Amino acid sequence: MKMKSPSSLLMLALTFLALTGSGAGYNHGEPDHGEHGAMKVRGEILDMACYIAHEAMSVNHAVCAARCIAGGQPMGLFTDDGTVYLLYASQQDRAAFEKAKEYAGQKVEVRGVAATRAHINGLEVHEVTQL
């Protein structure tokens, strides 16, 4: 069996890291150093059903988005850089998540903790402010 060179092994290791999602924890918002993993993100509150099905968003879709979110459809945040976060409530306090529902179709800043699972960006909502 032929031994691989150190540079070949390095390339193989880097390829493995890239393919296994070593950057899965990367987030696209501004770090909030007050809480581990916390960040601030600006964007538009979406109802995920209409966004995924029809790419519906913006002020023109705000009334429908509010109705869909109130009816139980998932809520998301479309950021200025085009990243979409699925928003979810904190298990300790749902108040900020519930308040975010009031801003459907509007620009907000959300402070929370980001996570990525199976290529889905999520953001636990701790605070929301209308812009």
Protein backbone atom coordinates (compact mmCIF):
# COMPACT_ATOMS: atom_id res chain seq x y z
CA MET A 1 0.00 0.00 0.00
CA LYS A 2 1.38 3.41 -0.99
CA MET A 3 1.61 6.04 1.80
CA LYS A 4 -0.10 9.39 1.09
CA SER A 5 1.94 12.57 1.28
CA PRO A 6 1.31 15.03 4.15
CA SER A 7 -0.18 17.58 1.72
CA SER A 8 -2.60 14.94 0.38
CA LEU A 9 -3.67 14.09 3.91
CA LEU A 10 -4.18 17.77 4.69
CA MET A 11 -6.35 18.23 1.60
CA LEU A 12 -8.33 15.13 2.49
CA ALA A 13 -8.88 16.42 6.05
CA LEU A 14 -9.96 19.87 4.81
CA THR A 15 -12.35 18.31 2.31
CA PHE A 16 -13.83 16.12 5.05
CA LEU A 17 -14.34 19.12 7.33
CA ALA A 18 -16.01 21.10 4.54
CA LEU A 19 -18.35 18.25 3.64
CA THR A 20 -19.34 17.38 7.21
CA GLY A 21 -20.55 20.87 8.03
CA SER A 22 -17.77 22.08 10.29
CA GLY A 23 -19.14 25.58 9.76
CA ALA A 24 -22.71 24.65 10.67
CA GLY A 25 -22.67 26.96 13.66
CA TYR A 26 -21.86 30.02 11.53
CA ASN A 27 -24.47 32.70 11.81
CA HIS A 28 -25.12 35.71 9.62
CA GLY A 29 -26.04 38.26 12.25
CA GLU A 30 -24.13 40.55 14.54
CA PRO A 31 -22.81 38.81 17.68
CA ASP A 32 -24.41 39.88 20.94
CA HIS A 33 -21.72 39.34 23.54
CA GLY A 34 -24.12 39.45 26.49
CA GLU A 35 -25.19 35.80 26.13
CA HIS A 36 -23.38 32.71 24.81
CA GLY A 37 -24.34 32.18 21.15
CA ALA A 38 -26.61 35.21 21.13
CA MET A 39 -26.91 37.49 18.12
CA LYS A 40 -28.89 40.40 16.71
CA VAL A 41 -30.41 40.07 13.26
CA ARG A 42 -32.37 42.58 11.20
CA GLY A 43 -34.93 41.60 8.63
CA GLU A 44 -38.58 41.11 7.75
CA ILE A 45 -40.97 38.86 9.65
CA LEU A 46 -42.37 36.24 7.23
CA ASP A 47 -45.00 33.61 7.41
CA MET A 48 -43.00 30.66 6.19
CA ALA A 49 -45.91 28.92 4.40
CA CYS A 50 -46.51 31.75 1.93
CA TYR A 51 -42.81 32.52 1.61
CA ILE A 52 -41.89 28.91 0.73
CA ALA A 53 -44.92 28.32 -1.51
CA HIS A 54 -45.06 31.69 -3.33
CA GLU A 55 -42.06 33.76 -2.16
CA ALA A 56 -44.68 36.12 -0.71
CA MET A 57 -43.29 38.86 1.50
CA SER A 58 -43.09 42.63 2.12
CA VAL A 59 -45.68 45.17 3.14
CA ASN A 60 -47.98 44.00 0.31
CA HIS A 61 -48.25 40.63 2.02
CA ALA A 62 -48.37 41.83 5.65
CA VAL A 63 -52.11 41.28 6.20
CA CYS A 64 -51.97 37.73 4.85
CA ALA A 65 -48.77 37.01 6.80
CA ALA A 66 -50.38 38.20 10.04
CA ARG A 67 -53.42 36.00 9.41
CA CYS A 68 -51.31 32.95 8.56
CA ILE A 69 -49.03 33.38 11.59
CA ALA A 70 -52.03 33.91 13.89
CA GLY A 71 -53.50 30.71 12.43
CA GLY A 72 -50.43 28.72 13.42
CA GLN A 73 -48.19 28.83 10.35
CA PRO A 74 -44.46 28.95 11.15
CA MET A 75 -42.83 32.37 11.39
CA GLY A 76 -39.49 33.33 9.91
CA LEU A 77 -37.09 36.23 9.49
CA PHE A 78 -35.75 37.20 6.04
CA THR A 79 -32.49 39.06 6.70
CA ASP A 80 -30.91 41.83 4.70
CA ASP A 81 -28.31 39.36 3.34
CA GLY A 82 -31.02 36.93 2.18
CA THR A 83 -30.68 34.41 5.01
CA VAL A 84 -33.96 33.04 6.34
CA TYR A 85 -34.29 32.02 10.00
CA LEU A 86 -37.13 29.93 11.37
CA LEU A 87 -38.18 31.81 14.52
CA TYR A 88 -39.12 29.90 17.64
CA ALA A 89 -40.01 30.68 21.25
CA SER A 90 -37.77 30.33 24.25
CA GLN A 91 -38.94 27.59 26.59
CA GLN A 92 -38.47 29.97 29.53
CA ASP A 93 -40.37 32.98 28.12
CA ARG A 94 -42.59 33.11 25.02
CA ALA A 95 -43.35 36.84 25.30
CA ALA A 96 -40.83 38.10 22.71
CA PHE A 97 -41.83 35.40 20.23
CA GLU A 98 -45.51 36.28 20.66
CA LYS A 99 -44.67 39.99 20.21
CA ALA A 100 -42.80 39.20 16.97
CA LYS A 101 -46.09 37.95 15.50
CA GLU A 102 -47.42 41.52 15.65
CA TYR A 103 -44.77 42.61 13.12
CA ALA A 104 -45.66 40.27 10.25
CA GLY A 105 -44.49 41.78 6.97
CA GLN A 106 -42.48 44.48 8.78
CA LYS A 107 -38.78 45.14 9.41
CA VAL A 108 -37.52 44.27 12.88
CA GLU A 109 -34.39 43.55 14.85
CA VAL A 110 -34.45 40.23 16.67
CA ARG A 111 -32.08 39.32 19.48
CA GLY A 112 -31.79 35.66 20.27
CA VAL A 113 -29.74 32.50 20.04
CA ALA A 114 -29.11 30.98 16.61
CA ALA A 115 -28.83 27.30 15.76
CA THR A 116 -28.56 25.33 12.53
CA ARG A 117 -29.88 21.80 12.09
CA ALA A 118 -30.11 19.90 8.81
CA HIS A 119 -29.40 23.11 6.86
CA ILE A 120 -32.26 24.97 8.59
CA ASN A 121 -31.32 28.23 10.32
CA GLY A 122 -33.26 28.78 13.52
CA LEU A 123 -33.39 31.70 15.92
CA GLU A 124 -34.80 31.48 19.44
CA VAL A 125 -36.47 34.88 19.96
CA HIS A 126 -35.45 36.70 23.15
CA GLU A 127 -36.26 40.27 22.11
CA VAL A 128 -37.85 41.97 19.09
CA THR A 129 -37.84 45.65 18.14
CA GLN A 130 -39.65 47.22 15.20
CA LEU A 131 -37.40 49.25 12.90
